[in-house]
């Protein structure tokens, strides 16, 4: 028993009181939740009498509750009853660090024990099992009365943490990075072994890295990736040598990529490529409007990069009108303010074309300038732009192909996020 701990004991009830009496004496719980079957409900009284006899004082009626299952041989029904205890367990743990939960699945039917073990793995708790030094039937029968002892007491998350890893992998590979990080964080709070905490922290860092990158917070993603380099051994413990080596390769490649993105000029082709890769991820999630919004920005950024790198026009919001060639100069003079003109996407490509730039010509060849047929026009009617229409998959595919051709980029050259499943 842990000294100075307020213990909530959750235990299944079987046909003999002795194991539960031993468990009560060992844990000295402040509160008990008995889970009997219809047949063993009356046995709770025997447990209470046995405890009072050995402890020298009874367990107050306000300190225990009986939560019977209807059919002890139906796993789903047993699980349903025990799941209803989640709120009380959470409330108990939430009282402070001196409060703990112990799940004792010694007694009851196999279904009752299995149900408690399955549900309790979601709780911050300890598992307890009462065995014995002697058994009937030459050691293979039931525990002999008087020989009972608590033979196992452990945090189930230390043993079952692999299930949290499996759930994490599913979320991560579905690009549900925030959910994966939250799951790893919750599992970290539940486990007690330092090595397992570090393993889960490595997973949490991975999810946080790609969540930040996916939200265009590349600087935070770079910082977390650099920290991940210190967790090679923990990842090896989780995934094995081969996958850990693959993760290390991803980490180093993405550190180099993000460093160029963060430390380079803005905008740059790195930003264009990153936007295109982000658009592809949004498409994979079925978020077409989000995907098209990123494609639009990638195409706009591409023009801004060309104007900055080749013509030293670094801000399309304030372009000196005198630098605009005819006939655009004459067309835009009426909208100039203080000798400056603001350029939207179409204007930026018109300027590139007017300057004789190949990118401007390619924009026209792809008919992206045609306001009647360009998929860019459909984007403008999106709920994320200026309208209330959903962008179709067809519009995405048209704009996706056009964006890759405009940027002269092959889809396999775009950066991809890692996957942990085979």
Protein backbone atom coordinates (compact mmCIF):
# COMPACT_ATOMS: atom_id res chain seq x y z
CA UNK A 1 0.00 0.00 0.00
CA UNK A 2 1.18 3.56 -0.69
CA UNK A 3 1.30 5.64 2.48
CA UNK A 4 -0.64 8.90 2.59
CA UNK A 5 -2.53 8.12 -0.62
CA UNK A 6 -6.29 8.43 -0.89
CA UNK A 7 -7.25 5.32 -2.83
CA UNK A 8 -10.36 4.60 -4.85
CA UNK A 9 -10.58 0.82 -5.30
CA UNK A 10 -12.64 -0.49 -8.22
CA UNK A 11 -13.09 -4.25 -7.96
CA UNK A 12 -15.14 -7.01 -9.51
CA UNK A 13 -16.91 -9.33 -7.09
CA UNK A 14 -16.86 -13.11 -7.34
CA UNK A 15 -18.14 -16.08 -5.37
CA UNK A 16 -15.68 -15.94 -2.48
CA UNK A 17 -14.97 -12.92 -0.28
CA UNK A 18 -11.40 -13.78 0.75
CA UNK A 19 -9.50 -12.20 -2.21
CA UNK A 20 -11.39 -8.91 -1.93
CA UNK A 21 -10.93 -8.81 1.85
CA UNK A 22 -7.18 -9.18 1.23
CA UNK A 23 -7.28 -6.39 -1.38
CA UNK A 24 -9.20 -4.06 0.95
CA UNK A 25 -6.77 -4.70 3.78
CA UNK A 26 -3.80 -4.12 1.49
CA UNK A 27 -4.98 -0.89 -0.14
CA UNK A 28 -6.97 0.58 2.77
CA UNK A 29 -9.18 2.45 0.28
CA UNK A 30 -10.99 5.67 1.12
CA UNK A 31 -13.72 4.62 -1.29
CA UNK A 32 -14.70 1.36 -3.04
CA UNK A 33 -16.73 0.69 -6.15
CA UNK A 34 -17.89 -2.94 -6.08
CA UNK A 35 -18.86 -4.45 -9.46
CA UNK A 36 -20.76 -7.72 -8.79
CA UNK A 37 -23.02 -9.83 -10.94
CA UNK A 38 -26.66 -10.43 -10.08
CA UNK A 39 -25.55 -13.70 -8.48
CA UNK A 40 -22.70 -12.20 -6.40
CA UNK A 41 -24.35 -8.95 -5.34
CA UNK A 42 -25.17 -10.41 -1.94
CA UNK A 43 -21.52 -11.41 -1.49
CA UNK A 44 -20.53 -7.78 -1.00
CA UNK A 45 -21.90 -8.06 2.55
CA UNK A 46 -19.55 -10.99 3.22
CA UNK A 47 -16.62 -8.94 1.94
CA UNK A 48 -17.57 -6.04 4.20
CA UNK A 49 -17.92 -8.33 7.23
CA UNK A 50 -14.58 -9.98 6.53
CA UNK A 51 -12.88 -6.61 6.21
CA UNK A 52 -14.44 -5.26 9.41
CA UNK A 53 -13.34 -8.39 11.29
CA UNK A 54 -9.70 -8.16 10.18
CA UNK A 55 -9.38 -4.36 10.16
CA UNK A 56 -11.10 -3.87 13.48
CA UNK A 57 -13.52 -1.36 12.06
CA UNK A 58 -16.20 -1.44 9.34
CA UNK A 59 -16.17 0.35 6.01
CA UNK A 60 -18.64 3.20 6.27
CA UNK A 61 -21.69 2.87 3.95
CA UNK A 62 -20.88 6.29 2.52
CA UNK A 63 -17.47 5.02 1.43
CA UNK A 64 -18.61 2.38 -1.05
CA UNK A 65 -21.07 1.91 -3.87
CA UNK A 66 -22.36 -1.24 -5.56
CA UNK A 67 -22.52 -1.17 -9.38
CA UNK A 68 -23.99 -4.52 -10.54
CA UNK A 69 -23.84 -5.91 -14.08
CA UNK A 70 -26.94 -7.55 -15.50
CA UNK A 71 -25.26 -10.54 -17.15
CA UNK A 72 -21.78 -11.52 -16.00
CA UNK A 73 -21.21 -13.55 -19.18
CA UNK A 74 -21.83 -10.69 -21.65
CA UNK A 75 -18.71 -8.60 -22.19
CA UNK A 76 -20.54 -5.65 -23.76
CA UNK A 77 -22.89 -5.36 -20.79
CA UNK A 78 -20.01 -5.54 -18.32
CA UNK A 79 -18.13 -2.88 -20.24
CA UNK A 80 -21.18 -0.63 -20.29
CA UNK A 81 -21.48 -0.67 -16.51
CA UNK A 82 -17.77 -0.13 -15.88
CA UNK A 83 -17.57 2.64 -18.48
CA UNK A 84 -20.19 4.51 -16.45
CA UNK A 85 -17.56 4.77 -13.71
CA UNK A 86 -15.30 6.99 -15.87
CA UNK A 87 -16.72 10.20 -14.47
CA UNK A 88 -16.26 9.16 -10.84
CA UNK A 89 -12.72 7.96 -11.55
CA UNK A 90 -11.83 11.24 -13.28
CA UNK A 91 -13.33 13.24 -10.41
CA UNK A 92 -11.31 11.26 -7.87
CA UNK A 93 -8.01 11.70 -9.73
CA UNK A 94 -8.77 15.36 -10.26
CA UNK A 95 -8.72 16.01 -6.53
CA UNK A 96 -4.94 16.09 -6.45
CA UNK A 97 -1.69 14.16 -6.53
CA UNK A 98 -2.46 12.32 -3.31
CA UNK A 99 -5.43 10.57 -4.92
CA UNK A 100 -5.03 7.30 -6.81
CA UNK A 101 -7.24 4.67 -8.43
CA UNK A 102 -6.62 0.92 -8.16
CA UNK A 103 -8.43 -1.57 -10.40
CA UNK A 104 -8.61 -5.07 -8.92
CA UNK A 105 -9.89 -7.64 -11.43
CA UNK A 106 -9.22 -10.75 -9.35
CA UNK A 107 -12.80 -11.84 -8.73
CA UNK A 108 -15.89 -12.30 -10.88
CA UNK A 109 -16.35 -13.96 -14.24
CA UNK A 110 -13.76 -13.75 -16.97
CA UNK A 111 -15.97 -11.26 -18.82
CA UNK A 112 -16.19 -9.04 -15.75
CA UNK A 113 -12.43 -9.13 -15.22
CA UNK A 114 -11.75 -8.51 -18.92
CA UNK A 115 -14.18 -5.59 -18.96
CA UNK A 116 -12.53 -3.93 -15.98
CA UNK A 117 -9.05 -4.44 -17.44
CA UNK A 118 -10.13 -3.05 -20.82
CA UNK A 119 -11.81 0.02 -19.42
CA UNK A 120 -9.23 0.70 -16.71
CA UNK A 121 -6.46 0.97 -19.27
CA UNK A 122 -7.98 4.36 -20.10
CA UNK A 123 -7.70 5.50 -16.50
CA UNK A 124 -4.66 6.84 -14.66
CA UNK A 125 -4.63 3.88 -12.29
CA UNK A 126 -2.83 0.82 -11.02
CA UNK A 127 -3.77 -2.78 -11.66
CA UNK A 128 -4.01 -5.13 -8.72
CA UNK A 129 -4.46 -8.89 -8.67
CA UNK A 130 -4.75 -11.16 -5.66
CA UNK A 131 -3.08 -14.53 -6.03
CA UNK A 132 -1.97 -17.10 -3.52
CA UNK A 133 0.92 -19.18 -2.35
CA UNK A 134 -1.20 -22.35 -2.40
CA UNK A 135 -3.92 -23.63 -4.73
CA UNK A 136 -6.21 -26.62 -4.71
CA UNK A 137 -5.98 -29.47 -7.27
CA UNK A 138 -2.22 -29.81 -7.00
CA UNK A 139 -1.58 -26.13 -7.66
CA UNK A 140 -3.91 -25.58 -10.61
CA UNK A 141 -7.20 -24.94 -8.80
CA UNK A 142 -8.47 -21.98 -6.83
CA UNK A 143 -6.42 -20.14 -4.23
CA UNK A 144 -6.67 -21.74 -0.80
CA UNK A 145 -8.26 -19.58 1.89
CA UNK A 146 -5.67 -17.90 4.06
CA UNK A 147 -2.91 -17.96 1.43
CA UNK A 148 -4.07 -14.90 -0.52
CA UNK A 149 -1.62 -12.11 -1.30
CA UNK A 150 -1.48 -9.14 -3.64
CA UNK A 151 0.99 -10.41 -6.17
CA UNK A 152 0.81 -7.72 -8.79
CA UNK A 153 0.41 -3.98 -8.61
CA UNK A 154 1.46 -1.86 -11.57
CA UNK A 155 0.50 1.05 -13.78
CA UNK A 156 -1.24 -0.59 -16.77
CA UNK A 157 0.00 2.16 -19.07
CA UNK A 158 3.56 1.01 -18.51
CA UNK A 159 2.55 -2.39 -19.87
CA UNK A 160 -0.12 -1.30 -22.34
CA UNK A 161 1.50 1.86 -23.66
CA UNK A 162 1.99 0.15 -27.00
CA UNK A 163 -1.72 0.59 -27.59
CA UNK A 164 -1.30 4.35 -27.24
CA UNK A 165 1.51 4.11 -29.80
CA UNK A 166 -0.73 2.21 -32.21
CA UNK A 167 -3.47 4.83 -31.85
CA UNK A 168 -0.89 7.58 -32.31
CA UNK A 169 0.36 6.03 -35.55
CA UNK A 170 -3.17 5.94 -36.98
CA UNK A 171 -3.74 9.62 -36.14
CA UNK A 172 -0.33 10.72 -37.37
CA UNK A 173 -0.62 8.91 -40.68
CA UNK A 174 -4.05 10.48 -41.17
CA UNK A 175 -2.33 13.86 -40.64
CA UNK A 176 -4.39 14.45 -37.49
CA UNK A 177 -1.28 15.87 -35.87
CA UNK A 178 -2.95 17.91 -33.12
CA UNK A 179 -5.00 14.90 -32.05
CA UNK A 180 -1.88 12.71 -32.10
CA UNK A 181 0.01 15.17 -29.92
CA UNK A 182 -2.90 15.32 -27.46
CA UNK A 183 -3.04 11.51 -27.28
CA UNK A 184 0.70 11.27 -26.62
CA UNK A 185 0.45 13.99 -23.97
CA UNK A 186 -2.39 12.16 -22.21
CA UNK A 187 -0.45 8.89 -22.31
CA UNK A 188 2.63 10.64 -20.89
CA UNK A 189 0.59 11.78 -17.89
CA UNK A 190 -0.65 8.24 -17.32
CA UNK A 191 2.62 6.30 -17.50
CA UNK A 192 5.07 6.20 -14.61
CA UNK A 193 8.20 4.68 -16.17
CA UNK A 194 10.65 7.47 -17.15
CA UNK A 195 11.78 5.63 -20.29
CA UNK A 196 8.20 5.25 -21.51
CA UNK A 197 7.54 8.93 -20.82
CA UNK A 198 10.51 9.87 -23.00
CA UNK A 199 9.33 7.57 -25.79
CA UNK A 200 5.91 9.18 -25.76
CA UNK A 201 7.48 12.62 -25.61
CA UNK A 202 9.36 11.81 -28.81
CA UNK A 203 6.07 10.91 -30.49
CA UNK A 204 4.46 14.09 -29.17
CA UNK A 205 7.34 16.15 -30.59
CA UNK A 206 6.86 14.50 -33.98
CA UNK A 207 3.17 15.36 -34.04
CA UNK A 208 3.79 18.92 -32.84
CA UNK A 209 6.49 19.36 -35.49
CA UNK A 210 4.30 18.49 -38.42
CA UNK A 211 1.27 20.23 -36.93
CA UNK A 212 3.30 23.46 -36.76
CA UNK A 213 4.66 22.95 -40.27
CA UNK A 214 1.17 22.24 -41.59
CA UNK A 215 0.02 25.56 -40.08
CA UNK A 216 2.92 27.42 -41.76
CA UNK A 217 4.73 27.88 -38.45
CA UNK A 218 7.92 26.58 -39.99
CA UNK A 219 10.18 28.21 -37.41
CA UNK A 220 8.58 26.27 -34.54
CA UNK A 221 8.66 23.11 -36.66
CA UNK A 222 12.40 23.56 -37.23
CA UNK A 223 13.07 24.03 -33.52
CA UNK A 224 11.15 20.88 -32.63
CA UNK A 225 12.84 18.84 -35.37
CA UNK A 226 16.23 19.87 -34.06
CA UNK A 227 15.17 18.73 -30.59
CA UNK A 228 14.00 15.40 -32.04
CA UNK A 229 17.55 14.58 -33.03
CA UNK A 230 18.15 13.77 -29.34
CA UNK A 231 15.49 11.05 -29.27
CA UNK A 232 16.93 8.44 -31.65
CA UNK A 233 17.26 5.79 -28.94
CA UNK A 234 13.70 6.29 -27.71
CA UNK A 235 12.29 6.03 -31.22
CA UNK A 236 14.29 2.85 -31.69
CA UNK A 237 12.64 1.43 -28.57
CA UNK A 238 9.20 2.28 -29.98
CA UNK A 239 9.56 1.35 -33.65
CA UNK A 240 12.68 -0.80 -33.98
CA UNK A 241 15.96 -0.09 -35.70
CA UNK A 242 14.78 0.05 -39.34
CA UNK A 243 11.96 2.53 -38.75
CA UNK A 244 14.12 4.60 -36.36
CA UNK A 245 16.76 4.90 -39.09
CA UNK A 246 14.08 6.02 -41.54
CA UNK A 247 12.82 8.61 -39.06
CA UNK A 248 16.37 9.91 -38.63
CA UNK A 249 16.64 10.31 -42.41
CA UNK A 250 13.36 12.24 -42.51
CA UNK A 251 14.45 14.43 -39.63
CA UNK A 252 17.77 15.46 -41.17
CA UNK A 253 16.23 16.08 -44.61
CA UNK A 254 13.41 18.17 -43.18
CA UNK A 255 15.77 20.15 -40.94
CA UNK A 256 17.71 21.17 -44.05
CA UNK A 257 14.51 21.98 -45.92
CA UNK A 258 12.99 24.06 -43.13
CA UNK A 259 16.23 25.88 -42.43
CA UNK A 260 16.31 27.09 -46.04
CA UNK A 261 12.67 28.09 -45.78
CA UNK A 262 13.11 29.98 -42.51
CA UNK A 263 16.49 31.57 -43.14
CA UNK A 264 16.08 32.37 -46.85
CA UNK A 265 14.52 35.33 -48.56
CA UNK A 266 10.76 35.80 -48.52
CA UNK A 267 9.07 35.13 -50.81
CA UNK A 268 11.13 32.41 -52.47
CA UNK A 269 10.59 29.30 -54.52
CA UNK A 270 10.82 27.38 -51.24
CA UNK A 271 7.61 29.10 -50.15
CA UNK A 272 5.92 28.27 -53.45
CA UNK A 273 6.90 24.61 -53.14
CA UNK A 274 5.72 24.51 -49.53
CA UNK A 275 2.34 25.97 -50.46
CA UNK A 276 1.91 23.40 -53.22
CA UNK A 277 2.74 20.56 -50.85
CA UNK A 278 0.28 21.95 -48.32
CA UNK A 279 -2.41 22.13 -51.00
CA UNK A 280 -1.83 18.47 -51.81
CA UNK A 281 -2.28 17.52 -48.16
CA UNK A 282 -5.53 19.48 -47.94
CA UNK A 283 -6.78 17.71 -51.08
CA UNK A 284 -5.93 14.33 -49.52
CA UNK A 285 -8.16 15.30 -46.58
CA UNK A 286 -11.01 16.23 -48.91
CA UNK A 287 -10.74 19.92 -47.99
CA UNK A 288 -10.94 21.18 -51.56
CA UNK A 289 -11.67 24.83 -50.79
CA UNK A 290 -8.65 24.98 -48.49
CA UNK A 291 -6.53 23.24 -51.11
CA UNK A 292 -7.53 25.70 -53.85
CA UNK A 293 -6.89 28.67 -51.55
CA UNK A 294 -3.32 27.44 -51.13
CA UNK A 295 -2.92 26.88 -54.86
CA UNK A 296 -4.07 30.44 -55.49
CA UNK A 297 -1.51 31.76 -53.02
CA UNK A 298 1.22 29.57 -54.54
CA UNK A 299 0.50 30.96 -58.01
CA UNK A 300 0.44 34.50 -56.64
CA UNK A 301 3.70 33.90 -54.74
CA UNK A 302 5.36 32.58 -57.88
CA UNK A 303 4.78 35.90 -59.63
CA UNK A 304 6.03 37.81 -56.60
CA UNK A 305 9.21 35.73 -56.51
CA UNK A 306 9.85 36.36 -60.22
CA UNK A 307 9.28 40.12 -59.88
CA UNK A 308 11.56 40.33 -56.83
CA UNK A 309 14.39 38.16 -58.11
CA UNK A 310 14.46 39.31 -61.73
CA UNK A 311 13.21 42.91 -61.60
CA UNK A 312 13.83 43.98 -57.98
CA UNK A 313 10.12 44.68 -57.52
CA UNK A 314 9.93 43.48 -53.93
CA UNK A 315 6.42 44.55 -52.99
CA UNK A 316 3.44 44.07 -55.30
CA UNK A 317 1.37 46.23 -52.95
CA UNK A 318 3.47 49.27 -53.88
CA UNK A 319 4.86 49.12 -57.40
CA UNK A 320 6.35 52.33 -58.78
CA UNK A 321 4.18 53.23 -61.73
CA UNK A 322 7.16 54.58 -63.70
CA UNK A 323 8.58 51.05 -63.79
CA UNK A 324 5.48 49.70 -65.51
CA UNK A 325 5.87 49.44 -69.31
CA UNK A 326 3.25 50.55 -71.82
CA UNK A 327 0.46 49.85 -72.45
CA UNK A 328 0.00 48.79 -68.80
CA UNK A 329 1.35 52.12 -67.59
CA UNK A 330 -1.47 53.96 -69.31
CA UNK A 331 -4.08 51.41 -68.16
CA UNK A 332 -3.08 51.63 -64.50
CA UNK A 333 -2.38 55.35 -64.18
CA UNK A 334 -5.91 56.11 -62.98
CA UNK A 335 -5.60 53.77 -59.99
CA UNK A 336 -2.16 54.91 -58.88
CA UNK A 337 -1.74 56.66 -55.53
CA UNK A 338 1.38 58.73 -54.86
CA UNK A 339 2.95 57.19 -57.94
CA UNK A 340 2.38 53.67 -56.63
CA UNK A 341 0.04 50.95 -57.85
CA UNK A 342 -1.27 47.86 -56.07
CA UNK A 343 -1.05 44.61 -58.08
CA UNK A 344 -3.29 41.60 -57.62
CA UNK A 345 -2.49 38.17 -59.01
CA UNK A 346 -3.68 38.88 -62.56
CA UNK A 347 -1.89 42.25 -62.53
CA UNK A 348 1.38 40.67 -61.41
CA UNK A 349 1.34 38.22 -64.30
CA UNK A 350 0.29 40.95 -66.72
CA UNK A 351 3.32 42.95 -65.59
CA UNK A 352 5.61 39.96 -66.08
CA UNK A 353 4.20 39.47 -69.56
CA UNK A 354 4.64 43.17 -70.28
CA UNK A 355 8.26 42.91 -69.18
CA UNK A 356 8.77 40.05 -71.63
CA UNK A 357 9.18 37.47 -68.87
CA UNK A 358 8.71 33.79 -69.74
CA UNK A 359 6.58 33.21 -66.64
CA UNK A 360 4.06 35.81 -67.77
CA UNK A 361 3.87 34.19 -71.20
CA UNK A 362 3.39 30.75 -69.65
CA UNK A 363 0.54 32.11 -67.52
CA UNK A 364 -1.23 33.18 -70.70
CA UNK A 365 -0.48 29.92 -72.50
CA UNK A 366 -2.21 28.06 -69.66
CA UNK A 367 -5.19 30.41 -70.12
CA UNK A 368 -5.05 31.40 -66.48
CA UNK A 369 -5.53 35.01 -67.57
CA UNK A 370 -8.86 34.20 -69.24
CA UNK A 371 -11.45 35.32 -66.72
CA UNK A 372 -14.15 33.21 -68.41
CA UNK A 373 -12.31 29.88 -68.52
CA UNK A 374 -9.61 30.14 -65.87
CA UNK A 375 -10.01 27.90 -62.78
CA UNK A 376 -8.80 30.93 -60.83
CA UNK A 377 -12.22 32.47 -61.46
CA UNK A 378 -13.93 29.51 -59.80
CA UNK A 379 -11.67 30.02 -56.81
CA UNK A 380 -12.94 33.59 -56.50
CA UNK A 381 -16.46 32.24 -55.99
CA UNK A 382 -15.29 29.97 -53.15
CA UNK A 383 -16.60 30.48 -49.64
CA UNK A 384 -12.95 31.12 -48.66
CA UNK A 385 -12.64 33.91 -51.23
CA UNK A 386 -15.50 36.14 -52.36
CA UNK A 387 -18.47 33.83 -52.88
CA UNK A 388 -20.52 31.08 -51.30
CA UNK A 389 -19.87 28.15 -53.63
CA UNK A 390 -17.99 24.96 -52.95
CA UNK A 391 -15.02 24.45 -55.24
CA UNK A 392 -15.31 21.22 -57.22
CA UNK A 393 -12.70 18.48 -57.50
CA UNK A 394 -12.50 19.26 -61.21
CA UNK A 395 -11.50 22.87 -60.54
CA UNK A 396 -8.83 21.68 -58.12
CA UNK A 397 -7.36 19.25 -60.67
CA UNK A 398 -7.29 21.95 -63.35
CA UNK A 399 -5.62 24.46 -61.06
CA UNK A 400 -3.26 21.83 -59.62
CA UNK A 401 -1.92 20.84 -63.02
CA UNK A 402 -1.66 24.48 -64.08
CA UNK A 403 0.22 25.44 -60.90
CA UNK A 404 2.76 22.64 -61.35
CA UNK A 405 3.32 23.58 -64.99
CA UNK A 406 3.57 27.25 -64.17
CA UNK A 407 6.16 26.59 -61.47
CA UNK A 408 7.93 23.97 -63.64
CA UNK A 409 7.75 21.52 -60.73
CA UNK A 410 7.15 17.78 -60.82
CA UNK A 411 4.80 16.46 -58.16
CA UNK A 412 7.33 13.85 -56.85
CA UNK A 413 9.69 16.75 -56.07
CA UNK A 414 7.32 18.19 -53.46
CA UNK A 415 8.20 17.48 -49.82
CA UNK A 416 6.17 14.74 -48.16
CA UNK A 417 5.41 14.21 -44.50
CA UNK A 418 6.51 10.91 -42.93
CA UNK A 419 4.28 7.93 -42.25
CA UNK A 420 4.85 5.47 -39.42
CA UNK A 421 2.72 2.58 -40.63
CA UNK A 422 4.32 0.02 -43.00
